[in-house]
PDB file of N, CA and C in Angstrom:
ATOM      1  N   MET A   1      51.450  92.902 -39.333  1.00  0.00           N
ATOM      2  CA  MET A   1      51.508  92.918 -40.733  1.00  0.00           C
ATOM      3  C   MET A   1      51.847  91.464 -41.265  1.00  0.00           C
ATOM      4  N   TYR A   2      53.130  91.053 -40.859  1.00  0.00           N
ATOM      5  CA  TYR A   2      53.790  89.896 -41.414  1.00  0.00           C
ATOM      6  C   TYR A   2      53.028  88.848 -40.849  1.00  0.00           C
ATOM      7  N   LYS A   3      52.780  88.831 -39.436  1.00  0.00           N
ATOM      8  CA  LYS A   3      51.760  87.700 -38.867  1.00  0.00           C
ATOM      9  C   LYS A   3      50.462  87.499 -39.863  1.00  0.00           C
ATOM     10  N   GLU A   4      49.826  88.402 -40.182  1.00  0.00           N
ATOM     11  CA  GLU A   4      48.435  88.389 -40.996  1.00  0.00           C
ATOM     12  C   GLU A   4      48.925  87.650 -42.346  1.00  0.00           C
ATOM     13  N   ILE A   5      50.060  88.130 -42.981  1.00  0.00           N
ATOM     14  CA  ILE A   5      50.384  87.725 -44.252  1.00  0.00           C
ATOM     15  C   ILE A   5      50.961  86.121 -44.041  1.00  0.00           C
ATOM     16  N   ASP A   6      51.582  85.581 -43.150  1.00  0.00           N
ATOM     17  CA  ASP A   6      51.730  84.339 -42.726  1.00  0.00           C
ATOM     18  C   ASP A   6      50.659  83.627 -42.678  1.00  0.00           C
ATOM     19  N   GLU A   7      49.521  84.148 -41.817  1.00  0.00           N
ATOM     20  CA  GLU A   7      48.428  83.312 -41.511  1.00  0.00           C
ATOM     21  C   GLU A   7      47.538  83.308 -43.070  1.00  0.00           C
ATOM     22  N   LEU A   8      47.494  84.159 -43.656  1.00  0.00           N
ATOM     23  CA  LEU A   8      47.013  84.120 -45.092  1.00  0.00           C
ATOM     24  C   LEU A   8      47.549  83.218 -46.021  1.00  0.00           C
ATOM     25  N   ILE A   9      48.953  82.984 -45.996  1.00  0.00           N
ATOM     26  CA  ILE A   9      49.632  82.046 -46.750  1.00  0.00           C
ATOM     27  C   ILE A   9      49.350  80.667 -46.297  1.00  0.00           C
ATOM     28  N   GLU A  10      49.294  80.574 -44.831  1.00  0.00           N
ATOM     29  CA  GLU A  10      48.935  79.189 -44.360  1.00  0.00           C
ATOM     30  C   GLU A  10      47.297  78.665 -44.587  1.00  0.00           C
ATOM     31  N   ALA A  11      46.596  79.660 -44.719  1.00  0.00           N
ATOM     32  CA  ALA A  11      45.123  79.476 -45.094  1.00  0.00           C
ATOM     33  C   ALA A  11      44.977  78.908 -46.445  1.00  0.00           C
ATOM     34  N   ILE A  12      45.687  79.689 -47.190  1.00  0.00           N
ATOM     35  CA  ILE A  12      45.635  79.213 -48.812  1.00  0.00           C
ATOM     36  C   ILE A  12      46.221  77.581 -48.835  1.00  0.00           C
ATOM     37  N   CYS A  13      47.260  77.552 -48.306  1.00  0.00           N
ATOM     38  CA  CYS A  13      48.124  76.307 -48.206  1.00  0.00           C
ATOM     39  C   CYS A  13      47.157  75.186 -47.986  1.00  0.00           C
ATOM     40  N   VAL A  14      46.402  75.314 -47.052  1.00  0.00           N
ATOM     41  CA  VAL A  14      45.489  74.253 -46.356  1.00  0.00           C
ATOM     42  C   VAL A  14      44.089  74.301 -47.061  1.00  0.00           C
ATOM     43  N   ASP A  15      43.784  75.247 -47.938  1.00  0.00           N
ATOM     44  CA  ASP A  15      42.489  75.393 -48.648  1.00  0.00           C
ATOM     45  C   ASP A  15      42.343  74.123 -49.520  1.00  0.00           C
ATOM     46  N   GLU A  16      41.253  73.653 -49.560  1.00  0.00           N
ATOM     47  CA  GLU A  16      40.907  72.332 -50.437  1.00  0.00           C
ATOM     48  C   GLU A  16      41.145  72.743 -51.877  1.00  0.00           C
ATOM     49  N   ILE A  17      40.937  74.024 -52.388  1.00  0.00           N
ATOM     50  CA  ILE A  17      41.260  74.500 -53.805  1.00  0.00           C
ATOM     51  C   ILE A  17      42.788  74.184 -54.066  1.00  0.00           C
ATOM     52  N   PHE A  18      43.567  74.892 -53.127  1.00  0.00           N
ATOM     53  CA  PHE A  18      45.026  74.763 -53.361  1.00  0.00           C
ATOM     54  C   PHE A  18      45.579  73.127 -53.143  1.00  0.00           C
ATOM     55  N   GLN A  19      44.770  72.451 -52.271  1.00  0.00           N
ATOM     56  CA  GLN A  19      45.405  71.143 -52.187  1.00  0.00           C
ATOM     57  C   GLN A  19      44.856  70.062 -53.374  1.00  0.00           C
ATOM     58  N   GLN A  20      43.795  70.413 -53.816  1.00  0.00           N
ATOM     59  CA  GLN A  20      43.493  69.828 -55.302  1.00  0.00           C
ATOM     60  C   GLN A  20      44.175  70.150 -56.500  1.00  0.00           C
ATOM     61  N   TYR A  21      44.686  71.379 -56.367  1.00  0.00           N
ATOM     62  CA  TYR A  21      45.640  72.012 -57.505  1.00  0.00           C
ATOM     63  C   TYR A  21      46.908  71.024 -57.114  1.00  0.00           C
ATOM     64  N   LEU A  22      47.353  70.940 -55.966  1.00  0.00           N
ATOM     65  CA  LEU A  22      48.721  70.286 -55.996  1.00  0.00           C
ATOM     66  C   LEU A  22      48.386  68.835 -56.356  1.00  0.00           C
ATOM     67  N   GLN A  23      47.358  68.156 -55.916  1.00  0.00           N
ATOM     68  CA  GLN A  23      47.209  66.766 -56.580  1.00  0.00           C
ATOM     69  C   GLN A  23      47.150  66.737 -57.995  1.00  0.00           C
ATOM     70  N   SER A  24      46.368  67.594 -58.780  1.00  0.00           N
ATOM     71  CA  SER A  24      46.349  67.653 -60.164  1.00  0.00           C
ATOM     72  C   SER A  24      47.819  67.773 -60.774  1.00  0.00           C
ATOM     73  N   GLU A  25      48.383  68.403 -60.180  1.00  0.00           N
ATOM     74  CA  GLU A  25      49.799  69.125 -60.698  1.00  0.00           C
ATOM     75  C   GLU A  25      50.850  67.808 -60.632  1.00  0.00           C
ATOM     76  N   LYS A  26      50.731  66.974 -59.528  1.00  0.00           N
ATOM     77  CA  LYS A  26      51.213  65.992 -59.200  1.00  0.00           C
ATOM     78  C   LYS A  26      51.111  64.642 -60.391  1.00  0.00           C
ATOM     79  N   LYS A  27      49.828  64.828 -60.583  1.00  0.00           N
ATOM     80  CA  LYS A  27      49.330  63.684 -61.628  1.00  0.00           C
ATOM     81  C   LYS A  27      50.014  63.956 -63.204  1.00  0.00           C
ATOM     82  N   LEU A  28      50.329  65.307 -63.440  1.00  0.00           N
ATOM     83  CA  LEU A  28      50.826  65.646 -64.579  1.00  0.00           C
ATOM     84  C   LEU A  28      52.185  64.902 -64.716  1.00  0.00           C
ATOM     85  N   HIS A  29      52.830  64.550 -63.698  1.00  0.00           N
ATOM     86  CA  HIS A  29      54.334  63.828 -63.957  1.00  0.00           C
ATOM     87  C   HIS A  29      54.067  62.509 -64.332  1.00  0.00           C
ATOM     88  N   ASP A  30      52.702  61.904 -64.818  1.00  0.00           N
ATOM     89  CA  ASP A  30      52.518  60.459 -65.197  1.00  0.00           C
ATOM     90  C   ASP A  30      53.191  60.402 -66.487  1.00  0.00           C
ATOM     91  N   GLU A  31      54.159  59.301 -66.431  1.00  0.00           N
ATOM     92  CA  GLU A  31      55.023  59.109 -67.889  1.00  0.00           C
ATOM     93  C   GLU A  31      54.233  59.210 -69.246  1.00  0.00           C
ATOM     94  N   LYS A  32      52.996  58.946 -69.305  1.00  0.00           N
ATOM     95  CA  LYS A  32      52.283  59.035 -70.669  1.00  0.00           C
ATOM     96  C   LYS A  32      51.941  60.599 -70.887  1.00  0.00           C
ATOM     97  N   ILE A  33      51.769  61.296 -69.950  1.00  0.00           N
ATOM     98  CA  ILE A  33      51.618  62.689 -70.081  1.00  0.00           C
ATOM     99  C   ILE A  33      52.916  63.462 -70.263  1.00  0.00           C
ATOM    100  N   VAL A  34      53.856  63.338 -69.679  1.00  0.00           N
ATOM    101  CA  VAL A  34      55.190  63.666 -69.878  1.00  0.00           C
ATOM    102  C   VAL A  34      55.634  63.338 -71.238  1.00  0.00           C
ATOM    103  N   LEU A  35      55.179  62.118 -71.803  1.00  0.00           N
ATOM    104  CA  LEU A  35      55.614  61.884 -73.077  1.00  0.00           C
ATOM    105  C   LEU A  35      54.620  62.638 -74.267  1.00  0.00           C
ATOM    106  N   LEU A  36      53.421  62.664 -73.924  1.00  0.00           N
ATOM    107  CA  LEU A  36      52.488  63.689 -74.813  1.00  0.00           C
ATOM    108  C   LEU A  36      53.066  65.041 -74.707  1.00  0.00           C
ATOM    109  N   LEU A  37      53.328  65.578 -73.757  1.00  0.00           N
ATOM    110  CA  LEU A  37      53.654  66.853 -73.426  1.00  0.00           C
ATOM    111  C   LEU A  37      55.125  67.178 -74.163  1.00  0.00           C
ATOM    112  N   SER A  38      55.985  66.257 -74.129  1.00  0.00           N
ATOM    113  CA  SER A  38      57.203  66.357 -74.737  1.00  0.00           C
ATOM    114  C   SER A  38      56.909  66.395 -76.434  1.00  0.00           C
ATOM    115  N   ARG A  39      56.127  65.412 -76.883  1.00  0.00           N
ATOM    116  CA  ARG A  39      55.822  65.162 -78.263  1.00  0.00           C
ATOM    117  C   ARG A  39      55.258  66.599 -78.836  1.00  0.00           C
ATOM    118  N   HIS A  40      54.383  67.150 -78.030  1.00  0.00           N
ATOM    119  CA  HIS A  40      53.749  68.522 -78.262  1.00  0.00           C
ATOM    120  C   HIS A  40      54.908  69.534 -78.472  1.00  0.00           C
ATOM    121  N   GLN A  41      55.614  69.559 -77.579  1.00  0.00           N
ATOM    122  CA  GLN A  41      56.424  70.594 -77.573  1.00  0.00           C
ATOM    123  C   GLN A  41      57.648  70.467 -78.975  1.00  0.00           C
ATOM    124  N   MET A  42      58.066  69.331 -79.113  1.00  0.00           N
ATOM    125  CA  MET A  42      58.875  68.939 -80.196  1.00  0.00           C
ATOM    126  C   MET A  42      58.154  69.483 -81.541  1.00  0.00           C
ATOM    127  N   LEU A  43      56.790  68.872 -81.427  1.00  0.00           N
ATOM    128  CA  LEU A  43      56.237  69.318 -82.984  1.00  0.00           C
ATOM    129  C   LEU A  43      55.872  70.845 -82.928  1.00  0.00           C
ATOM    130  N   GLN A  44      55.602  71.403 -81.914  1.00  0.00           N
ATOM    131  CA  GLN A  44      55.463  72.869 -81.879  1.00  0.00           C
ATOM    132  C   GLN A  44      56.747  73.255 -82.430  1.00  0.00           C
ATOM    133  N   GLU A  45      57.872  73.120 -81.873  1.00  0.00           N
ATOM    134  CA  GLU A  45      59.358  73.728 -82.345  1.00  0.00           C
ATOM    135  C   GLU A  45      59.561  73.323 -83.643  1.00  0.00           C
ATOM    136  N   ASP A  46      59.342  71.979 -84.133  1.00  0.00           N
ATOM    137  CA  ASP A  46      59.682  71.754 -85.520  1.00  0.00           C
ATOM    138  C   ASP A  46      58.610  72.606 -86.319  1.00  0.00           C
ATOM    139  N   TYR A  47      57.152  72.815 -85.854  1.00  0.00           N
ATOM    140  CA  TYR A  47      56.411  73.653 -86.910  1.00  0.00           C
ATOM    141  C   TYR A  47      56.713  75.036 -87.056  1.00  0.00           C
ATOM    142  N   LEU A  48      57.195  75.712 -86.065  1.00  0.00           N
ATOM    143  CA  LEU A  48      57.870  76.968 -86.084  1.00  0.00           C
ATOM    144  C   LEU A  48      59.153  77.228 -86.756  1.00  0.00           C
ATOM    145  N   ARG A  49      59.865  76.175 -86.798  1.00  0.00           N
ATOM    146  CA  ARG A  49      60.991  76.362 -87.744  1.00  0.00           C
ATOM    147  C   ARG A  49      60.854  76.038 -89.042  1.00  0.00           C
ATOM    148  N   VAL A  50      59.812  75.285 -89.296  1.00  0.00           N
ATOM    149  CA  VAL A  50      59.608  75.045 -91.008  1.00  0.00           C
ATOM    150  C   VAL A  50      58.793  76.322 -91.222  1.00  0.00           C
ATOM    151  N   LYS A  51      57.777  77.003 -90.423  1.00  0.00           N
ATOM    152  CA  LYS A  51      56.985  78.009 -90.713  1.00  0.00           C
ATOM    153  C   LYS A  51      57.935  79.083 -91.150  1.00  0.00           C
ATOM    154  N   GLN A  52      59.077  79.288 -90.706  1.00  0.00           N
ATOM    155  CA  GLN A  52      59.848  80.293 -91.164  1.00  0.00           C
ATOM    156  C   GLN A  52      60.425  80.136 -92.677  1.00  0.00           C
ATOM    157  N   TYR A  53      60.280  78.993 -93.378  1.00  0.00           N
ATOM    158  CA  TYR A  53      60.665  78.771 -94.593  1.00  0.00           C
ATOM    159  C   TYR A  53      59.647  78.088 -95.392  1.00  0.00           C
ATOM    160  N   GLN A  54      58.116  79.091 -95.120  1.00  0.00           N
ATOM    161  CA  GLN A  54      57.103  78.510 -95.573  1.00  0.00           C
ATOM    162  C   GLN A  54      57.102  78.801 -97.067  1.00  0.00           C
ATOM    163  N   ASN A  55      57.893  79.742 -97.520  1.00  0.00           N
ATOM    164  CA  ASN A  55      58.002  79.871 -99.036  1.00  0.00           C
ATOM    165  C   ASN A  55      58.818  78.877 -99.858  1.00  0.00           C
ATOM    166  N   TYR A  56      59.360  77.886 -98.989  1.00  0.00           N
ATOM    167  CA  TYR A  56      60.319  76.732 -99.823  1.00  0.00           C
ATOM    168  C   TYR A  56      59.670  75.450 -99.310  1.00  0.00           C
ATOM    169  N   MET A  57      58.893  75.352 -98.183  1.00  0.00           N
ATOM    170  CA  MET A  57      58.460  74.025 -97.555  1.00  0.00           C
ATOM    171  C   MET A  57      57.009  74.323 -97.084  1.00  0.00           C
ATOM    172  N   THR A  58      56.495  73.131 -97.103  1.00  0.00           N
ATOM    173  CA  THR A  58      55.065  73.163 -96.568  1.00  0.00           C
ATOM    174  C   THR A  58      54.966  72.559 -95.102  1.00  0.00           C
ATOM    175  N   SER A  59      54.361  73.466 -94.227  1.00  0.00           N
ATOM    176  CA  SER A  59      54.138  72.790 -92.733  1.00  0.00           C
ATOM    177  C   SER A  59      52.776  72.213 -92.478  1.00  0.00           C
ATOM    178  N   ASP A  60      51.935  71.901 -93.425  1.00  0.00           N
ATOM    179  CA  ASP A  60      50.585  71.232 -93.296  1.00  0.00           C
ATOM    180  C   ASP A  60      50.691  69.937 -92.572  1.00  0.00           C
ATOM    181  N   ASP A  61      51.532  69.200 -92.810  1.00  0.00           N
ATOM    182  CA  ASP A  61      51.722  67.743 -92.032  1.00  0.00           C
ATOM    183  C   ASP A  61      51.993  68.219 -90.700  1.00  0.00           C
ATOM    184  N   LEU A  62      53.034  69.106 -90.338  1.00  0.00           N
ATOM    185  CA  LEU A  62      53.179  69.244 -88.911  1.00  0.00           C
ATOM    186  C   LEU A  62      52.196  69.854 -88.346  1.00  0.00           C
ATOM    187  N   LYS A  63      51.401  70.972 -89.091  1.00  0.00           N
ATOM    188  CA  LYS A  63      50.425  71.464 -88.445  1.00  0.00           C
ATOM    189  C   LYS A  63      49.471  70.560 -88.084  1.00  0.00           C
ATOM    190  N   GLU A  64      48.897  69.533 -88.907  1.00  0.00           N
ATOM    191  CA  GLU A  64      48.105  68.568 -88.629  1.00  0.00           C
ATOM    192  C   GLU A  64      48.474  67.634 -87.363  1.00  0.00           C
ATOM    193  N   GLN A  65      49.614  67.407 -87.387  1.00  0.00           N
ATOM    194  CA  GLN A  65      50.090  66.458 -86.361  1.00  0.00           C
ATOM    195  C   GLN A  65      50.097  67.133 -84.907  1.00  0.00           C
ATOM    196  N   LEU A  66      50.403  68.473 -84.916  1.00  0.00           N
ATOM    197  CA  LEU A  66      50.375  69.283 -83.952  1.00  0.00           C
ATOM    198  C   LEU A  66      48.762  69.440 -83.562  1.00  0.00           C
ATOM    199  N   LYS A  67      48.081  69.552 -84.333  1.00  0.00           N
ATOM    200  CA  LYS A  67      46.443  69.934 -83.861  1.00  0.00           C
ATOM    201  C   LYS A  67      46.108  68.494 -83.242  1.00  0.00           C
ATOM    202  N   GLU A  68      46.290  67.294 -83.621  1.00  0.00           N
ATOM    203  CA  GLU A  68      46.017  65.966 -83.154  1.00  0.00           C
ATOM    204  C   GLU A  68      46.485  65.824 -81.815  1.00  0.00           C
ATOM    205  N   VAL A  69      47.701  66.183 -81.566  1.00  0.00           N
ATOM    206  CA  VAL A  69      48.461  65.993 -80.185  1.00  0.00           C
ATOM    207  C   VAL A  69      47.759  67.122 -79.290  1.00  0.00           C
ATOM    208  N   LYS A  70      47.632  68.223 -79.678  1.00  0.00           N
ATOM    209  CA  LYS A  70      46.742  69.132 -78.729  1.00  0.00           C
ATOM    210  C   LYS A  70      45.525  68.956 -78.465  1.00  0.00           C
ATOM    211  N   LYS A  71      44.753  68.155 -79.288  1.00  0.00           N
ATOM    212  CA  LYS A  71      43.423  67.574 -79.062  1.00  0.00           C
ATOM    213  C   LYS A  71      43.518  66.440 -78.024  1.00  0.00           C
ATOM    214  N   GLU A  72      44.614  65.478 -78.326  1.00  0.00           N
ATOM    215  CA  GLU A  72      44.793  64.520 -77.282  1.00  0.00           C
ATOM    216  C   GLU A  72      44.929  65.066 -75.869  1.00  0.00           C
ATOM    217  N   LEU A  73      45.895  65.988 -75.727  1.00  0.00           N
ATOM    218  CA  LEU A  73      46.197  66.788 -74.701  1.00  0.00           C
ATOM    219  C   LEU A  73      44.995  67.188 -74.018  1.00  0.00           C
ATOM    220  N   PHE A  74      44.324  68.125 -74.517  1.00  0.00           N
ATOM    221  CA  PHE A  74      43.105  68.707 -74.157  1.00  0.00           C
ATOM    222  C   PHE A  74      42.007  67.852 -73.729  1.00  0.00           C
ATOM    223  N   GLU A  75      41.788  66.637 -74.274  1.00  0.00           N
ATOM    224  CA  GLU A  75      40.828  65.547 -73.839  1.00  0.00           C
ATOM    225  C   GLU A  75      41.499  64.496 -72.922  1.00  0.00           C
ATOM    226  N   HIS A  76      42.623  64.726 -72.353  1.00  0.00           N
ATOM    227  CA  HIS A  76      43.118  63.770 -71.394  1.00  0.00           C
ATOM    228  C   HIS A  76      42.654  64.272 -70.095  1.00  0.00           C
ATOM    229  N   PRO A  77      41.790  63.211 -69.376  1.00  0.00           N
ATOM    230  CA  PRO A  77      41.180  63.441 -68.041  1.00  0.00           C
ATOM    231  C   PRO A  77      42.148  64.330 -66.946  1.00  0.00           C
ATOM    232  N   GLN A  78      43.429  63.800 -67.050  1.00  0.00           N
ATOM    233  CA  GLN A  78      44.301  64.578 -66.043  1.00  0.00           C
ATOM    234  C   GLN A  78      44.616  65.976 -66.307  1.00  0.00           C
ATOM    235  N   ILE A  79      44.723  66.130 -67.617  1.00  0.00           N
ATOM    236  CA  ILE A  79      44.958  67.594 -68.108  1.00  0.00           C
ATOM    237  C   ILE A  79      43.892  68.270 -67.859  1.00  0.00           C
ATOM    238  N   GLN A  80      42.733  67.844 -68.093  1.00  0.00           N
ATOM    239  CA  GLN A  80      41.261  68.454 -67.751  1.00  0.00           C
ATOM    240  C   GLN A  80      41.307  68.854 -66.316  1.00  0.00           C
ATOM    241  N   SER A  81      41.459  67.708 -65.394  1.00  0.00           N
ATOM    242  CA  SER A  81      41.599  67.977 -64.049  1.00  0.00           C
ATOM    243  C   SER A  81      42.488  69.229 -63.585  1.00  0.00           C
ATOM    244  N   TYR A  82      43.661  69.162 -64.212  1.00  0.00           N
ATOM    245  CA  TYR A  82      44.748  69.968 -64.040  1.00  0.00           C
ATOM    246  C   TYR A  82      44.157  71.549 -64.087  1.00  0.00           C
ATOM    247  N   TYR A  83      43.639  71.741 -65.469  1.00  0.00           N
ATOM    248  CA  TYR A  83      43.115  73.183 -65.750  1.00  0.00           C
ATOM    249  C   TYR A  83      41.952  73.408 -64.970  1.00  0.00           C
ATOM    250  N   GLN A  84      41.029  72.644 -64.626  1.00  0.00           N
ATOM    251  CA  GLN A  84      39.949  72.937 -63.562  1.00  0.00           C
ATOM    252  C   GLN A  84      40.451  73.231 -62.326  1.00  0.00           C
ATOM    253  N   SER A  85      41.407  72.746 -61.717  1.00  0.00           N
ATOM    254  CA  SER A  85      41.982  73.064 -60.306  1.00  0.00           C
ATOM    255  C   SER A  85      42.817  74.343 -60.711  1.00  0.00           C
ATOM    256  N   TYR A  86      43.306  74.297 -61.407  1.00  0.00           N
ATOM    257  CA  TYR A  86      44.375  75.797 -62.006  1.00  0.00           C
ATOM    258  C   TYR A  86      43.366  77.038 -61.911  1.00  0.00           C
ATOM    259  N   TYR A  87      42.381  76.698 -62.767  1.00  0.00           N
ATOM    260  CA  TYR A  87      41.484  78.078 -62.683  1.00  0.00           C
ATOM    261  C   TYR A  87      40.848  78.344 -61.328  1.00  0.00           C
ATOM    262  N   ALA A  88      40.405  77.457 -60.647  1.00  0.00           N
ATOM    263  CA  ALA A  88      39.722  77.549 -59.429  1.00  0.00           C
ATOM    264  C   ALA A  88      40.530  78.048 -58.698  1.00  0.00           C
ATOM    265  N   LEU A  89      42.008  77.588 -58.568  1.00  0.00           N
ATOM    266  CA  LEU A  89      42.958  78.339 -57.525  1.00  0.00           C
ATOM    267  C   LEU A  89      43.277  79.869 -58.087  1.00  0.00           C
ATOM    268  N   ASN A  90      43.341  80.130 -59.359  1.00  0.00           N
ATOM    269  CA  ASN A  90      43.253  81.505 -59.866  1.00  0.00           C
ATOM    270  C   ASN A  90      42.127  82.357 -59.273  1.00  0.00           C
ATOM    271  N   ASP A  91      40.946  81.741 -59.458  1.00  0.00           N
ATOM    272  CA  ASP A  91      39.892  82.607 -58.834  1.00  0.00           C
ATOM    273  C   ASP A  91      40.081  82.768 -57.419  1.00  0.00           C
ATOM    274  N   LEU A  92      40.370  81.945 -56.505  1.00  0.00           N
ATOM    275  CA  LEU A  92      40.494  82.100 -55.275  1.00  0.00           C
ATOM    276  C   LEU A  92      41.626  83.297 -55.050  1.00  0.00           C
ATOM    277  N   LEU A  93      42.806  83.052 -55.703  1.00  0.00           N
ATOM    278  CA  LEU A  93      43.934  84.029 -55.569  1.00  0.00           C
ATOM    279  C   LEU A  93      43.391  85.384 -55.863  1.00  0.00           C
ATOM    280  N   GLU A  94      42.679  85.614 -57.027  1.00  0.00           N
ATOM    281  CA  GLU A  94      42.245  86.890 -57.378  1.00  0.00           C
ATOM    282  C   GLU A  94      41.243  87.357 -56.393  1.00  0.00           C
ATOM    283  N   LYS A  95      40.260  86.682 -55.727  1.00  0.00           N
ATOM    284  CA  LYS A  95      39.650  87.172 -54.670  1.00  0.00           C
ATOM    285  C   LYS A  95      40.322  87.832 -53.424  1.00  0.00           C
ATOM    286  N   VAL A  96      41.145  86.890 -53.249  1.00  0.00           N
ATOM    287  CA  VAL A  96      42.038  87.403 -52.090  1.00  0.00           C
ATOM    288  C   VAL A  96      42.721  88.526 -52.435  1.00  0.00           C
ATOM    289  N   THR A  97      43.216  88.835 -53.830  1.00  0.00           N
ATOM    290  CA  THR A  97      44.061  89.917 -54.278  1.00  0.00           C
ATOM    291  C   THR A  97      42.997  91.317 -54.065  1.00  0.00           C
ATOM    292  N   GLU A  98      41.881  91.079 -54.652  1.00  0.00           N
ATOM    293  CA  GLU A  98      40.936  92.249 -54.700  1.00  0.00           C
ATOM    294  C   GLU A  98      40.451  92.482 -53.194  1.00  0.00           C
ATOM    295  N   ILE A  99      40.416  91.634 -52.164  1.00  0.00           N
ATOM    296  CA  ILE A  99      40.168  91.884 -50.749  1.00  0.00           C
ATOM    297  C   ILE A  99      41.701  92.582 -50.322  1.00  0.00           C
ATOM    298  N   ILE A 100      42.623  92.218 -50.553  1.00  0.00           N
ATOM    299  CA  ILE A 100      43.986  93.001 -50.003  1.00  0.00           C
ATOM    300  C   ILE A 100      43.887  94.366 -50.640  1.00  0.00           C
ATOM    301  N   PHE A 101      43.874  94.354 -51.871  1.00  0.00           N
ATOM    302  CA  PHE A 101      44.055  95.846 -52.615  1.00  0.00           C
ATOM    303  C   PHE A 101      42.805  96.597 -52.233  1.00  0.00           C
ATOM    304  N   GLN A 102      41.834  96.134 -51.931  1.00  0.00           N
ATOM    305  CA  GLN A 102      40.609  96.921 -51.674  1.00  0.00           C
ATOM    306  C   GLN A 102      40.905  97.643 -50.182  1.00  0.00           C
ATOM    307  N   GLY A 103      41.397  96.991 -49.381  1.00  0.00           N
ATOM    308  CA  GLY A 103      41.839  97.364 -47.995  1.00  0.00           C
ATOM    309  C   GLY A 103      43.068  98.445 -48.032  1.00  0.00           C
ATOM    310  N   ILE A 104      44.102  98.146 -48.902  1.00  0.00           N
ATOM    311  CA  ILE A 104      45.105  99.359 -49.028  1.00  0.00           C
ATOM    312  C   ILE A 104      44.368 100.428 -49.802  1.00  0.00           C
ATOM    313  N   SER A 105      43.727 100.089 -50.888  1.00  0.00           N
ATOM    314  CA  SER A 105      43.180 101.297 -51.497  1.00  0.00           C
ATOM    315  C   SER A 105      42.370 102.212 -50.608  1.00  0.00           C
ATOM    316  N   ASP A 106      41.514 101.569 -49.572  1.00  0.00           N
ATOM    317  CA  ASP A 106      40.607 102.412 -48.968  1.00  0.00           C
ATOM    318  C   ASP A 106      41.629 103.114 -47.890  1.00  0.00           C
ATOM    319  N   GLU A 107      42.822 102.733 -47.282  1.00  0.00           N
ATOM    320  CA  GLU A 107      43.786 103.380 -46.592  1.00  0.00           C
ATOM    321  C   GLU A 107      44.209 104.506 -47.151  1.00  0.00           C
ATOM    322  N   LEU A 108      44.590 104.432 -48.434  1.00  0.00           N
ATOM    323  CA  LEU A 108      45.270 105.580 -49.345  1.00  0.00           C
ATOM    324  C   LEU A 108      44.302 106.489 -49.453  1.00  0.00           C
ATOM    325  N   SER A 109      43.178 106.164 -49.695  1.00  0.00           N
ATOM    326  CA  SER A 109      42.053 107.343 -49.873  1.00  0.00           C
ATOM    327  C   SER A 109      41.960 107.983 -48.856  1.00  0.00           C
ATOM    328  N   PHE A 110      41.903 107.330 -47.440  1.00  0.00           N
ATOM    329  CA  PHE A 110      41.584 107.772 -46.127  1.00  0.00           C
ATOM    330  C   PHE A 110      42.679 109.100 -45.928  1.00  0.00           C
ATOM    331  N   HIS A 111      43.990 108.376 -46.244  1.00  0.00           N
ATOM    332  CA  HIS A 111      45.176 109.306 -45.909  1.00  0.00           C
ATOM    333  C   HIS A 111      45.111 110.502 -46.656  1.00  0.00           C
ATOM    334  N   GLN A 112      44.804 110.392 -47.779  1.00  0.00           N
ATOM    335  CA  GLN A 112      44.782 111.410 -48.870  1.00  0.00           C
ATOM    336  C   GLN A 112      43.823 112.623 -48.369  1.00  0.00           C
ATOM    337  N   LEU A 113      42.797 112.185 -47.787  1.00  0.00           N
ATOM    338  CA  LEU A 113      41.730 112.972 -47.092  1.00  0.00           C
ATOM    339  C   LEU A 113      42.047 113.790 -46.059  1.00  0.00           C
ATOM    340  N   THR A 114      42.815 113.178 -45.283  1.00  0.00           N
ATOM    341  CA  THR A 114      43.307 113.817 -43.830  1.00  0.00           C
ATOM    342  C   THR A 114      44.437 114.963 -44.186  1.00  0.00           C
ATOM    343  N   LEU A 115      45.027 114.792 -45.407  1.00  0.00           N
ATOM    344  CA  LEU A 115      45.954 115.883 -45.791  1.00  0.00           C
ATOM    345  C   LEU A 115      45.350 117.274 -45.993  1.00  0.00           C
TER     346      LEU A 115
END
């Protein structure tokens, strides 16, 4: 069983979908993207802090800035590529999981019937 698990892991690691995901993930370490992500994080934290005091302060300006940065993030080609490869990998892993658990589920049903 461990041999089959190792073979499955190896097959996933060399699969084109996984390799594409790794390449896309590496591109997220680009300086411009890191700065953009950091800016988004800071604005989001500031917005959440100010929102706690919404009776005393307005958060509209921060909300608008956050909206603009989110738009910039989601329109960035490297971010889009990352999400596409992430969802493709997620679909692959979901299919693998379904296959694995389908086999386990069938075995469990079989054993229950023999009791």
